[in-house]
Amino acid sequence: MAAIYRSCRVRPLPPRVISREQLRYVTCSRRALGLAAKSPATEPSTCAPESPIQNTPRSTKPGNEQYFNDILFRSNKTGQVAIRVPPKFASKEDEREYQKQHLAVAFRALARQGYDEGLSGHISLRDPVNPEHFWINPLSKHFAMMRASDLVLADEHGHVLPGGAQRPFNVAAFVIHSEIHKARPDVNAACHAHSIHGRAFSCFGKPLEMIFQDALKFYKDHANHGLITCGSTPDEAAFLFISLDRCCHAQLMANAASGPGWEKRHIPKEEAEWVQRRRGNSNRMWLSFQPYFDQEVEADPSVLE
């Protein structure tokens, strides 16, 4: 492993003592808070359903100002052209069901990108009902066949719990994800898979260069220790993984093509910092995953079962 990327924006937590073996797998970096100022009082608060396919209980209370600031979108003059927003939940049980469905879809989306390989790869979700527990994929279940009911609920000791599928899960998944969730309460989801370009890039032990716009969401937001992405939702972690692997691919191609007369031009620090704040926030990452969500649910609605 050679690089961990994450996207939650909180103040750093005190160091957590973990074993040398666990440290080989887990190193989380952080981002500065970097939130934009609240939008004016005239900012429209109308929102469309999160998905035309999924009908989830949601609150009608206002509070989307930060979301509107983070997304950068255009509406009509009266603000009646609504933007898709994350749902509000009536209970933790409703939130659990929604997040499990999106976790299952995340596996399908990664499979479509070719990130499945044998027993390797896992995505975890902190349980909204009991934050010390997490949901994970069962061992030897293909990503492309995952459903919400296939997910395993595990405790902090690695035991399979009632309430989820009664199936074993990967030991490496427990070592990696349990330590991430213990060390970083702000991280609700973590994604790890053995993608081809991620593996090729990680063997050099170097960070991404800021030479193209899509890489800027990872500006000063990674440490060389394994291709893992983390986020506040499975949607965010999954999209960041897809984007990260593509950035690794682009970096490798740029490196191969560079030479006399073809020197790489790096994006200036000030521009990189601004774009990272505006385009690398959790809200934008959540929304960026929704087209993948729609594609997978339309292809096979049983993923939500």
C-alpha atoms as a PDB file:
ATOM      1  CA  MET A   1       0.000   0.000   0.000  1.00  0.00           C
ATOM      2  CA  ALA A   2       1.208   3.484  -0.671  1.00  0.00           C
ATOM      3  CA  ALA A   3      -1.388   6.219  -0.167  1.00  0.00           C
ATOM      4  CA  ILE A   4      -4.375   6.954   2.052  1.00  0.00           C
ATOM      5  CA  TYR A   5      -6.778   9.720   1.082  1.00  0.00           C
ATOM      6  CA  ARG A   6      -9.672  11.041   3.148  1.00  0.00           C
ATOM      7  CA  SER A   7     -12.159  13.872   2.984  1.00  0.00           C
ATOM      8  CA  CYS A   8     -13.693  14.645   6.387  1.00  0.00           C
ATOM      9  CA  ARG A   9     -13.019  18.177   7.589  1.00  0.00           C
ATOM     10  CA  VAL A  10     -12.480  18.260  11.329  1.00  0.00           C
ATOM     11  CA  ARG A  11      -9.801  19.285  13.757  1.00  0.00           C
ATOM     12  CA  PRO A  12      -7.115  16.615  14.311  1.00  0.00           C
ATOM     13  CA  LEU A  13      -7.680  14.135  17.111  1.00  0.00           C
ATOM     14  CA  PRO A  14      -5.019  13.121  19.678  1.00  0.00           C
ATOM     15  CA  PRO A  15      -2.707  10.370  18.390  1.00  0.00           C
ATOM     16  CA  ARG A  16      -3.967   6.837  18.959  1.00  0.00           C
ATOM     17  CA  VAL A  17      -1.488   4.126  19.895  1.00  0.00           C
ATOM     18  CA  ILE A  18      -1.745   1.178  17.541  1.00  0.00           C
ATOM     19  CA  SER A  19       0.545  -1.723  16.821  1.00  0.00           C
ATOM     20  CA  ARG A  20       3.336  -1.614  14.262  1.00  0.00           C
ATOM     21  CA  GLU A  21       1.471  -4.210  12.192  1.00  0.00           C
ATOM     22  CA  GLN A  22      -1.706  -2.152  12.217  1.00  0.00           C
ATOM     23  CA  LEU A  23       0.258   0.962  11.354  1.00  0.00           C
ATOM     24  CA  ARG A  24       1.403  -0.777   8.170  1.00  0.00           C
ATOM     25  CA  TYR A  25      -2.220  -0.720   7.077  1.00  0.00           C
ATOM     26  CA  VAL A  26      -3.644   2.410   8.623  1.00  0.00           C
ATOM     27  CA  THR A  27      -2.546   6.029   8.469  1.00  0.00           C
ATOM     28  CA  CYS A  28      -5.228   8.696   8.179  1.00  0.00           C
ATOM     29  CA  SER A  29      -4.542  12.230   7.050  1.00  0.00           C
ATOM     30  CA  ARG A  30      -6.838  15.182   7.592  1.00  0.00           C
ATOM     31  CA  ARG A  31      -8.108  18.261   5.820  1.00  0.00           C
ATOM     32  CA  ALA A  32      -8.470  21.730   7.250  1.00  0.00           C
ATOM     33  CA  LEU A  33     -12.037  22.798   7.918  1.00  0.00           C
ATOM     34  CA  GLY A  34     -12.101  25.224   4.984  1.00  0.00           C
ATOM     35  CA  LEU A  35     -15.876  25.689   4.870  1.00  0.00           C
ATOM     36  CA  ALA A  36     -17.305  28.551   2.818  1.00  0.00           C
ATOM     37  CA  ALA A  37     -19.330  31.328   4.412  1.00  0.00           C
ATOM     38  CA  LYS A  38     -23.064  30.830   4.663  1.00  0.00           C
ATOM     39  CA  SER A  39     -25.115  31.834   1.663  1.00  0.00           C
ATOM     40  CA  PRO A  40     -27.336  34.939   1.724  1.00  0.00           C
ATOM     41  CA  ALA A  41     -30.802  34.718   3.248  1.00  0.00           C
ATOM     42  CA  THR A  42     -32.227  34.761  -0.273  1.00  0.00           C
ATOM     43  CA  GLU A  43     -30.523  31.469  -1.162  1.00  0.00           C
ATOM     44  CA  PRO A  44     -33.261  29.016  -2.238  1.00  0.00           C
ATOM     45  CA  SER A  45     -33.834  26.121   0.150  1.00  0.00           C
ATOM     46  CA  THR A  46     -35.978  24.058  -2.227  1.00  0.00           C
ATOM     47  CA  CYS A  47     -34.606  20.574  -2.734  1.00  0.00           C
ATOM     48  CA  ALA A  48     -35.453  17.690  -5.005  1.00  0.00           C
ATOM     49  CA  PRO A  49     -35.728  14.074  -3.811  1.00  0.00           C
ATOM     50  CA  GLU A  50     -32.314  12.505  -3.327  1.00  0.00           C
ATOM     51  CA  SER A  51     -33.120   9.893  -5.942  1.00  0.00           C
ATOM     52  CA  PRO A  52     -36.042   9.333  -8.314  1.00  0.00           C
ATOM     53  CA  ILE A  53     -35.738   5.627  -7.504  1.00  0.00           C
ATOM     54  CA  GLN A  54     -35.361   5.602  -3.728  1.00  0.00           C
ATOM     55  CA  ASN A  55     -38.076   7.057  -1.470  1.00  0.00           C
ATOM     56  CA  THR A  56     -36.487   7.686   1.939  1.00  0.00           C
ATOM     57  CA  PRO A  57     -38.102   9.585   4.860  1.00  0.00           C
ATOM     58  CA  ARG A  58     -36.609  13.045   4.998  1.00  0.00           C
ATOM     59  CA  SER A  59     -37.005  16.246   6.997  1.00  0.00           C
ATOM     60  CA  THR A  60     -38.399  19.404   5.406  1.00  0.00           C
ATOM     61  CA  LYS A  61     -36.494  21.682   7.801  1.00  0.00           C
ATOM     62  CA  PRO A  62     -34.137  24.247   6.235  1.00  0.00           C
ATOM     63  CA  GLY A  63     -30.404  23.909   6.671  1.00  0.00           C
ATOM     64  CA  ASN A  64     -28.976  23.322   3.218  1.00  0.00           C
ATOM     65  CA  GLU A  65     -27.085  26.603   2.975  1.00  0.00           C
ATOM     66  CA  GLN A  66     -23.662  24.977   3.352  1.00  0.00           C
ATOM     67  CA  TYR A  67     -24.596  22.337   0.808  1.00  0.00           C
ATOM     68  CA  PHE A  68     -25.557  25.017  -1.741  1.00  0.00           C
ATOM     69  CA  ASN A  69     -22.242  26.797  -1.133  1.00  0.00           C
ATOM     70  CA  ASP A  70     -20.256  23.601  -1.598  1.00  0.00           C
ATOM     71  CA  ILE A  71     -21.826  22.398  -4.847  1.00  0.00           C
ATOM     72  CA  LEU A  72     -21.523  25.425  -7.174  1.00  0.00           C
ATOM     73  CA  PHE A  73     -24.645  25.184  -9.334  1.00  0.00           C
ATOM     74  CA  ARG A  74     -27.002  27.426 -11.283  1.00  0.00           C
ATOM     75  CA  SER A  75     -30.787  27.554 -10.852  1.00  0.00           C
ATOM     76  CA  ASN A  76     -33.462  29.733 -12.456  1.00  0.00           C
ATOM     77  CA  LYS A  77     -34.161  33.327 -11.343  1.00  0.00           C
ATOM     78  CA  THR A  78     -36.665  32.306  -8.669  1.00  0.00           C
ATOM     79  CA  GLY A  79     -34.629  29.356  -7.408  1.00  0.00           C
ATOM     80  CA  GLN A  80     -37.329  26.827  -8.267  1.00  0.00           C
ATOM     81  CA  VAL A  81     -34.986  24.567 -10.260  1.00  0.00           C
ATOM     82  CA  ALA A  82     -34.094  22.298  -7.377  1.00  0.00           C
ATOM     83  CA  ILE A  83     -30.837  20.488  -6.697  1.00  0.00           C
ATOM     84  CA  ARG A  84     -30.516  16.990  -5.330  1.00  0.00           C
ATOM     85  CA  VAL A  85     -29.552  16.986  -1.637  1.00  0.00           C
ATOM     86  CA  PRO A  86     -28.748  14.304   0.974  1.00  0.00           C
ATOM     87  CA  PRO A  87     -31.840  13.260   2.924  1.00  0.00           C
ATOM     88  CA  LYS A  88     -32.675  14.087   6.537  1.00  0.00           C
ATOM     89  CA  PHE A  89     -33.717  11.115   8.651  1.00  0.00           C
ATOM     90  CA  ALA A  90     -36.559  10.655  11.109  1.00  0.00           C
ATOM     91  CA  SER A  91     -34.554   8.049  13.062  1.00  0.00           C
ATOM     92  CA  LYS A  92     -31.157   6.366  13.235  1.00  0.00           C
ATOM     93  CA  GLU A  93     -32.797   3.204  11.928  1.00  0.00           C
ATOM     94  CA  ASP A  94     -33.912   5.050   8.795  1.00  0.00           C
ATOM     95  CA  GLU A  95     -30.388   6.386   8.359  1.00  0.00           C
ATOM     96  CA  ARG A  96     -28.921   2.899   8.775  1.00  0.00           C
ATOM     97  CA  GLU A  97     -31.158   1.462   6.061  1.00  0.00           C
ATOM     98  CA  TYR A  98     -30.339   4.279   3.651  1.00  0.00           C
ATOM     99  CA  GLN A  99     -26.581   4.074   4.252  1.00  0.00           C
ATOM    100  CA  LYS A 100     -26.576   0.275   3.893  1.00  0.00           C
ATOM    101  CA  GLN A 101     -28.305   0.583   0.541  1.00  0.00           C
ATOM    102  CA  HIS A 102     -25.751   3.122  -0.640  1.00  0.00           C
ATOM    103  CA  LEU A 103     -22.937   0.923   0.661  1.00  0.00           C
ATOM    104  CA  ALA A 104     -24.246  -2.015  -1.378  1.00  0.00           C
ATOM    105  CA  VAL A 105     -24.495   0.197  -4.461  1.00  0.00           C
ATOM    106  CA  ALA A 106     -20.921   1.397  -3.879  1.00  0.00           C
ATOM    107  CA  PHE A 107     -19.704  -2.188  -4.276  1.00  0.00           C
ATOM    108  CA  ARG A 108     -21.621  -2.516  -7.549  1.00  0.00           C
ATOM    109  CA  ALA A 109     -20.130   0.750  -8.803  1.00  0.00           C
ATOM    110  CA  LEU A 110     -16.584  -0.376  -7.963  1.00  0.00           C
ATOM    111  CA  ALA A 111     -17.194  -3.696  -9.714  1.00  0.00           C
ATOM    112  CA  ARG A 112     -18.295  -1.848 -12.847  1.00  0.00           C
ATOM    113  CA  GLN A 113     -14.968   0.037 -12.742  1.00  0.00           C
ATOM    114  CA  GLY A 114     -13.052  -3.255 -12.539  1.00  0.00           C
ATOM    115  CA  TYR A 115     -11.890  -2.865  -8.936  1.00  0.00           C
ATOM    116  CA  ASP A 116     -12.967  -6.345  -7.824  1.00  0.00           C
ATOM    117  CA  GLU A 117     -10.369  -9.107  -7.526  1.00  0.00           C
ATOM    118  CA  GLY A 118     -10.945 -12.397  -5.722  1.00  0.00           C
ATOM    119  CA  LEU A 119     -11.212 -11.932  -1.973  1.00  0.00           C
ATOM    120  CA  SER A 120      -9.551  -8.507  -2.029  1.00  0.00           C
ATOM    121  CA  GLY A 121     -11.221  -5.187  -1.367  1.00  0.00           C
ATOM    122  CA  HIS A 122     -13.726  -3.923   1.158  1.00  0.00           C
ATOM    123  CA  ILE A 123     -15.808  -0.893   2.038  1.00  0.00           C
ATOM    124  CA  SER A 124     -16.953  -0.249   5.594  1.00  0.00           C
ATOM    125  CA  LEU A 125     -19.744   1.849   7.082  1.00  0.00           C
ATOM    126  CA  ARG A 126     -19.897   3.029  10.685  1.00  0.00           C
ATOM    127  CA  ASP A 127     -23.242   1.887  12.067  1.00  0.00           C
ATOM    128  CA  PRO A 128     -25.471   4.951  12.656  1.00  0.00           C
ATOM    129  CA  VAL A 129     -27.280   3.172  15.515  1.00  0.00           C
ATOM    130  CA  ASN A 130     -24.152   1.992  17.389  1.00  0.00           C
ATOM    131  CA  PRO A 131     -21.065   3.925  16.234  1.00  0.00           C
ATOM    132  CA  GLU A 132     -18.706   1.332  17.747  1.00  0.00           C
ATOM    133  CA  HIS A 133     -19.942  -1.221  15.209  1.00  0.00           C
ATOM    134  CA  PHE A 134     -19.502  -1.219  11.441  1.00  0.00           C
ATOM    135  CA  TRP A 135     -20.945  -2.840   8.324  1.00  0.00           C
ATOM    136  CA  ILE A 136     -18.648  -4.658   5.903  1.00  0.00           C
ATOM    137  CA  ASN A 137     -18.889  -6.946   2.871  1.00  0.00           C
ATOM    138  CA  PRO A 138     -18.884 -10.730   3.443  1.00  0.00           C
ATOM    139  CA  LEU A 139     -15.905 -12.812   2.388  1.00  0.00           C
ATOM    140  CA  SER A 140     -16.035 -14.206  -1.181  1.00  0.00           C
ATOM    141  CA  LYS A 141     -19.146 -12.273  -2.246  1.00  0.00           C
ATOM    142  CA  HIS A 142     -18.557 -10.617  -5.629  1.00  0.00           C
ATOM    143  CA  PHE A 143     -18.886  -6.845  -5.592  1.00  0.00           C
ATOM    144  CA  ALA A 144     -21.213  -6.977  -8.611  1.00  0.00           C
ATOM    145  CA  MET A 145     -23.689  -9.201  -6.733  1.00  0.00           C
ATOM    146  CA  MET A 146     -23.817  -7.258  -3.459  1.00  0.00           C
ATOM    147  CA  ARG A 147     -27.156  -6.383  -1.880  1.00  0.00           C
ATOM    148  CA  ALA A 148     -27.916  -4.468   1.298  1.00  0.00           C
ATOM    149  CA  SER A 149     -29.023  -7.694   2.988  1.00  0.00           C
ATOM    150  CA  ASP A 150     -25.627  -9.305   2.269  1.00  0.00           C
ATOM    151  CA  LEU A 151     -23.739  -6.857   4.489  1.00  0.00           C
ATOM    152  CA  VAL A 152     -22.198  -8.085   7.739  1.00  0.00           C
ATOM    153  CA  LEU A 153     -22.446  -6.181  11.031  1.00  0.00           C
ATOM    154  CA  ALA A 154     -19.254  -6.448  13.110  1.00  0.00           C
ATOM    155  CA  ASP A 155     -18.259  -5.178  16.536  1.00  0.00           C
ATOM    156  CA  GLU A 156     -15.000  -3.536  17.557  1.00  0.00           C
ATOM    157  CA  HIS A 157     -13.503  -6.958  18.361  1.00  0.00           C
ATOM    158  CA  GLY A 158     -14.182  -8.399  14.910  1.00  0.00           C
ATOM    159  CA  HIS A 159     -17.143 -10.562  15.892  1.00  0.00           C
ATOM    160  CA  VAL A 160     -20.060 -11.049  13.501  1.00  0.00           C
ATOM    161  CA  LEU A 161     -23.192  -9.687  15.178  1.00  0.00           C
ATOM    162  CA  PRO A 162     -26.906 -10.465  14.812  1.00  0.00           C
ATOM    163  CA  GLY A 163     -28.834  -8.024  12.667  1.00  0.00           C
ATOM    164  CA  GLY A 164     -26.694  -8.471   9.560  1.00  0.00           C
ATOM    165  CA  ALA A 165     -25.801 -11.372   7.283  1.00  0.00           C
ATOM    166  CA  GLN A 166     -24.374 -14.282   9.260  1.00  0.00           C
ATOM    167  CA  ARG A 167     -21.297 -14.727   7.124  1.00  0.00           C
ATOM    168  CA  PRO A 168     -17.541 -14.411   7.730  1.00  0.00           C
ATOM    169  CA  PHE A 169     -15.594 -11.361   6.578  1.00  0.00           C
ATOM    170  CA  ASN A 170     -11.998 -10.647   5.649  1.00  0.00           C
ATOM    171  CA  VAL A 171      -9.412 -10.453   8.474  1.00  0.00           C
ATOM    172  CA  ALA A 172      -7.536  -7.677   6.649  1.00  0.00           C
ATOM    173  CA  ALA A 173     -10.813  -5.754   6.446  1.00  0.00           C
ATOM    174  CA  PHE A 174     -11.092  -5.881  10.230  1.00  0.00           C
ATOM    175  CA  VAL A 175      -7.472  -4.831  10.786  1.00  0.00           C
ATOM    176  CA  ILE A 176      -7.777  -1.865   8.430  1.00  0.00           C
ATOM    177  CA  HIS A 177     -11.298  -0.621   9.005  1.00  0.00           C
ATOM    178  CA  SER A 178     -11.607  -1.174  12.755  1.00  0.00           C
ATOM    179  CA  GLU A 179      -8.537   0.970  13.388  1.00  0.00           C
ATOM    180  CA  ILE A 180      -9.726   3.710  11.045  1.00  0.00           C
ATOM    181  CA  HIS A 181     -13.111   3.865  12.758  1.00  0.00           C
ATOM    182  CA  LYS A 182     -11.548   3.804  16.235  1.00  0.00           C
ATOM    183  CA  ALA A 183      -8.924   6.447  15.484  1.00  0.00           C
ATOM    184  CA  ARG A 184     -11.169   8.797  13.482  1.00  0.00           C
ATOM    185  CA  PRO A 185     -14.732   9.245  14.804  1.00  0.00           C
ATOM    186  CA  ASP A 186     -15.328  11.730  11.966  1.00  0.00           C
ATOM    187  CA  VAL A 187     -14.833   9.000   9.345  1.00  0.00           C
ATOM    188  CA  ASN A 188     -18.033   7.044   8.693  1.00  0.00           C
ATOM    189  CA  ALA A 189     -16.917   5.071   5.639  1.00  0.00           C
ATOM    190  CA  ALA A 190     -13.643   3.728   4.259  1.00  0.00           C
ATOM    191  CA  CYS A 191     -12.962   2.140   0.890  1.00  0.00           C
ATOM    192  CA  HIS A 192     -10.056  -0.109  -0.106  1.00  0.00           C
ATOM    193  CA  ALA A 193      -9.610  -2.117  -3.303  1.00  0.00           C
ATOM    194  CA  HIS A 194      -6.751  -3.437  -5.419  1.00  0.00           C
ATOM    195  CA  SER A 195      -7.167  -1.268  -8.495  1.00  0.00           C
ATOM    196  CA  ILE A 196      -4.597  -1.648 -11.259  1.00  0.00           C
ATOM    197  CA  HIS A 197      -3.550   1.971 -11.587  1.00  0.00           C
ATOM    198  CA  GLY A 198      -3.592   2.515  -7.856  1.00  0.00           C
ATOM    199  CA  ARG A 199      -1.241  -0.416  -7.358  1.00  0.00           C
ATOM    200  CA  ALA A 200       1.055   0.728 -10.139  1.00  0.00           C
ATOM    201  CA  PHE A 201       1.241   4.274  -8.806  1.00  0.00           C
ATOM    202  CA  SER A 202       1.573   3.294  -5.146  1.00  0.00           C
ATOM    203  CA  CYS A 203       4.749   1.288  -5.719  1.00  0.00           C
ATOM    204  CA  PHE A 204       6.638   4.572  -6.211  1.00  0.00           C
ATOM    205  CA  GLY A 205       5.670   5.845  -2.758  1.00  0.00           C
ATOM    206  CA  LYS A 206       5.027   9.355  -4.059  1.00  0.00           C
ATOM    207  CA  PRO A 207       2.065  11.747  -3.760  1.00  0.00           C
ATOM    208  CA  LEU A 208       0.030  12.884  -6.723  1.00  0.00           C
ATOM    209  CA  GLU A 209       1.408  15.919  -8.515  1.00  0.00           C
ATOM    210  CA  MET A 210      -0.949  18.853  -8.906  1.00  0.00           C
ATOM    211  CA  ILE A 211      -0.789  18.913 -12.702  1.00  0.00           C
ATOM    212  CA  PHE A 212      -4.496  18.592 -13.581  1.00  0.00           C
ATOM    213  CA  GLN A 213      -7.739  19.806 -12.053  1.00  0.00           C
ATOM    214  CA  ASP A 214      -9.165  16.468 -10.918  1.00  0.00           C
ATOM    215  CA  ALA A 215      -6.117  15.870  -8.721  1.00  0.00           C
ATOM    216  CA  LEU A 216      -6.705  19.112  -6.826  1.00  0.00           C
ATOM    217  CA  LYS A 217      -9.387  17.550  -4.628  1.00  0.00           C
ATOM    218  CA  PHE A 218      -6.501  15.592  -3.080  1.00  0.00           C
ATOM    219  CA  TYR A 219      -4.241  18.625  -2.582  1.00  0.00           C
ATOM    220  CA  LYS A 220      -2.297  18.229   0.707  1.00  0.00           C
ATOM    221  CA  ASP A 221      -4.784  15.556   1.671  1.00  0.00           C
ATOM    222  CA  HIS A 222      -2.909  12.298   1.497  1.00  0.00           C
ATOM    223  CA  ALA A 223      -0.119  10.274   3.019  1.00  0.00           C
ATOM    224  CA  ASN A 224       1.752   7.493   1.294  1.00  0.00           C
ATOM    225  CA  HIS A 225       0.445   4.392   3.003  1.00  0.00           C
ATOM    226  CA  GLY A 226      -2.095   2.463   0.927  1.00  0.00           C
ATOM    227  CA  LEU A 227      -4.842   3.148  -1.628  1.00  0.00           C
ATOM    228  CA  ILE A 228      -7.706   3.795   0.798  1.00  0.00           C
ATOM    229  CA  THR A 229     -10.269   6.578   0.672  1.00  0.00           C
ATOM    230  CA  CYS A 230     -12.387   7.717   3.593  1.00  0.00           C
ATOM    231  CA  GLY A 231     -15.435   9.912   3.873  1.00  0.00           C
ATOM    232  CA  SER A 232     -18.483  10.868   5.841  1.00  0.00           C
ATOM    233  CA  THR A 233     -20.655   8.549   3.695  1.00  0.00           C
ATOM    234  CA  PRO A 234     -20.132   5.431   1.555  1.00  0.00           C
ATOM    235  CA  ASP A 235     -20.971   7.622  -1.445  1.00  0.00           C
ATOM    236  CA  GLU A 236     -18.098   9.984  -0.725  1.00  0.00           C
ATOM    237  CA  ALA A 237     -15.552   7.241   0.003  1.00  0.00           C
ATOM    238  CA  ALA A 238     -16.513   5.326  -3.160  1.00  0.00           C
ATOM    239  CA  PHE A 239     -16.408   8.345  -5.458  1.00  0.00           C
ATOM    240  CA  LEU A 240     -13.051   9.430  -4.033  1.00  0.00           C
ATOM    241  CA  PHE A 241     -11.672   5.957  -4.730  1.00  0.00           C
ATOM    242  CA  ILE A 242     -12.865   6.046  -8.340  1.00  0.00           C
ATOM    243  CA  SER A 243     -11.449   9.537  -8.788  1.00  0.00           C
ATOM    244  CA  LEU A 244      -8.181   8.679  -7.058  1.00  0.00           C
ATOM    245  CA  ASP A 245      -7.536   5.650  -9.235  1.00  0.00           C
ATOM    246  CA  ARG A 246      -8.180   7.717 -12.357  1.00  0.00           C
ATOM    247  CA  CYS A 247      -5.817  10.390 -11.085  1.00  0.00           C
ATOM    248  CA  CYS A 248      -3.163   7.706 -10.542  1.00  0.00           C
ATOM    249  CA  HIS A 249      -3.743   6.540 -14.118  1.00  0.00           C
ATOM    250  CA  ALA A 250      -3.423  10.083 -15.478  1.00  0.00           C
ATOM    251  CA  GLN A 251      -0.278  10.680 -13.421  1.00  0.00           C
ATOM    252  CA  LEU A 252       1.356   7.516 -14.757  1.00  0.00           C
ATOM    253  CA  MET A 253       0.517   8.527 -18.331  1.00  0.00           C
ATOM    254  CA  ALA A 254       1.868  12.042 -17.769  1.00  0.00           C
ATOM    255  CA  ASN A 255       5.069  10.643 -16.298  1.00  0.00           C
ATOM    256  CA  ALA A 256       5.512   8.314 -19.269  1.00  0.00           C
ATOM    257  CA  ALA A 257       4.963  11.116 -21.781  1.00  0.00           C
ATOM    258  CA  SER A 258       7.140  13.761 -20.114  1.00  0.00           C
ATOM    259  CA  GLY A 259      10.532  14.598 -21.551  1.00  0.00           C
ATOM    260  CA  PRO A 260      12.469  17.436 -23.223  1.00  0.00           C
ATOM    261  CA  GLY A 261       9.911  19.848 -24.595  1.00  0.00           C
ATOM    262  CA  TRP A 262       7.143  18.003 -22.761  1.00  0.00           C
ATOM    263  CA  GLU A 263       7.807  19.136 -19.204  1.00  0.00           C
ATOM    264  CA  LYS A 264       4.895  18.934 -16.769  1.00  0.00           C
ATOM    265  CA  ARG A 265       3.391  22.249 -15.645  1.00  0.00           C
ATOM    266  CA  HIS A 266       2.240  22.296 -12.011  1.00  0.00           C
ATOM    267  CA  ILE A 267      -0.827  24.211 -10.872  1.00  0.00           C
ATOM    268  CA  PRO A 268       0.126  27.122  -8.573  1.00  0.00           C
ATOM    269  CA  LYS A 269      -0.358  26.658  -4.815  1.00  0.00           C
ATOM    270  CA  GLU A 270      -2.986  29.384  -4.422  1.00  0.00           C
ATOM    271  CA  GLU A 271      -5.144  28.002  -7.235  1.00  0.00           C
ATOM    272  CA  ALA A 272      -4.776  24.432  -5.959  1.00  0.00           C
ATOM    273  CA  GLU A 273      -5.870  25.437  -2.469  1.00  0.00           C
ATOM    274  CA  TRP A 274      -8.919  27.318  -3.760  1.00  0.00           C
ATOM    275  CA  VAL A 275     -10.057  24.491  -6.037  1.00  0.00           C
ATOM    276  CA  GLN A 276      -9.504  21.908  -3.300  1.00  0.00           C
ATOM    277  CA  ARG A 277     -11.813  23.813  -0.970  1.00  0.00           C
ATOM    278  CA  ARG A 278     -14.483  24.335  -3.597  1.00  0.00           C
ATOM    279  CA  ARG A 279     -14.356  21.007  -5.429  1.00  0.00           C
ATOM    280  CA  GLY A 280     -13.069  18.585  -2.795  1.00  0.00           C
ATOM    281  CA  ASN A 281     -15.710  19.010  -0.090  1.00  0.00           C
ATOM    282  CA  SER A 282     -17.852  16.189   1.284  1.00  0.00           C
ATOM    283  CA  ASN A 283     -21.116  17.520  -0.145  1.00  0.00           C
ATOM    284  CA  ARG A 284     -19.755  17.670  -3.673  1.00  0.00           C
ATOM    285  CA  MET A 285     -18.282  14.182  -3.334  1.00  0.00           C
ATOM    286  CA  TRP A 286     -21.657  12.812  -2.186  1.00  0.00           C
ATOM    287  CA  LEU A 287     -23.428  14.372  -5.160  1.00  0.00           C
ATOM    288  CA  SER A 288     -20.721  13.161  -7.548  1.00  0.00           C
ATOM    289  CA  PHE A 289     -21.539   9.556  -6.616  1.00  0.00           C
ATOM    290  CA  GLN A 290     -25.282   9.817  -7.263  1.00  0.00           C
ATOM    291  CA  PRO A 291     -25.039   9.177 -11.048  1.00  0.00           C
ATOM    292  CA  TYR A 292     -23.310   5.876 -10.206  1.00  0.00           C
ATOM    293  CA  PHE A 293     -26.051   5.149  -7.673  1.00  0.00           C
ATOM    294  CA  ASP A 294     -28.770   5.739 -10.262  1.00  0.00           C
ATOM    295  CA  GLN A 295     -26.983   3.609 -12.854  1.00  0.00           C
ATOM    296  CA  GLU A 296     -26.665   0.608 -10.542  1.00  0.00           C
ATOM    297  CA  VAL A 297     -30.198   0.795  -9.124  1.00  0.00           C
ATOM    298  CA  GLU A 298     -31.723   1.136 -12.579  1.00  0.00           C
ATOM    299  CA  ALA A 299     -29.688  -1.841 -13.797  1.00  0.00           C
ATOM    300  CA  ASP A 300     -30.750  -4.016 -10.844  1.00  0.00           C
ATOM    301  CA  PRO A 301     -33.125  -2.669  -8.165  1.00  0.00           C
ATOM    302  CA  SER A 302     -32.497  -5.772  -6.030  1.00  0.00           C
ATOM    303  CA  VAL A 303     -29.253  -4.154  -4.855  1.00  0.00           C
ATOM    304  CA  LEU A 304     -31.382  -2.241  -2.335  1.00  0.00           C
ATOM    305  CA  GLU A 305     -32.942  -5.386  -0.851  1.00  0.00           C
END
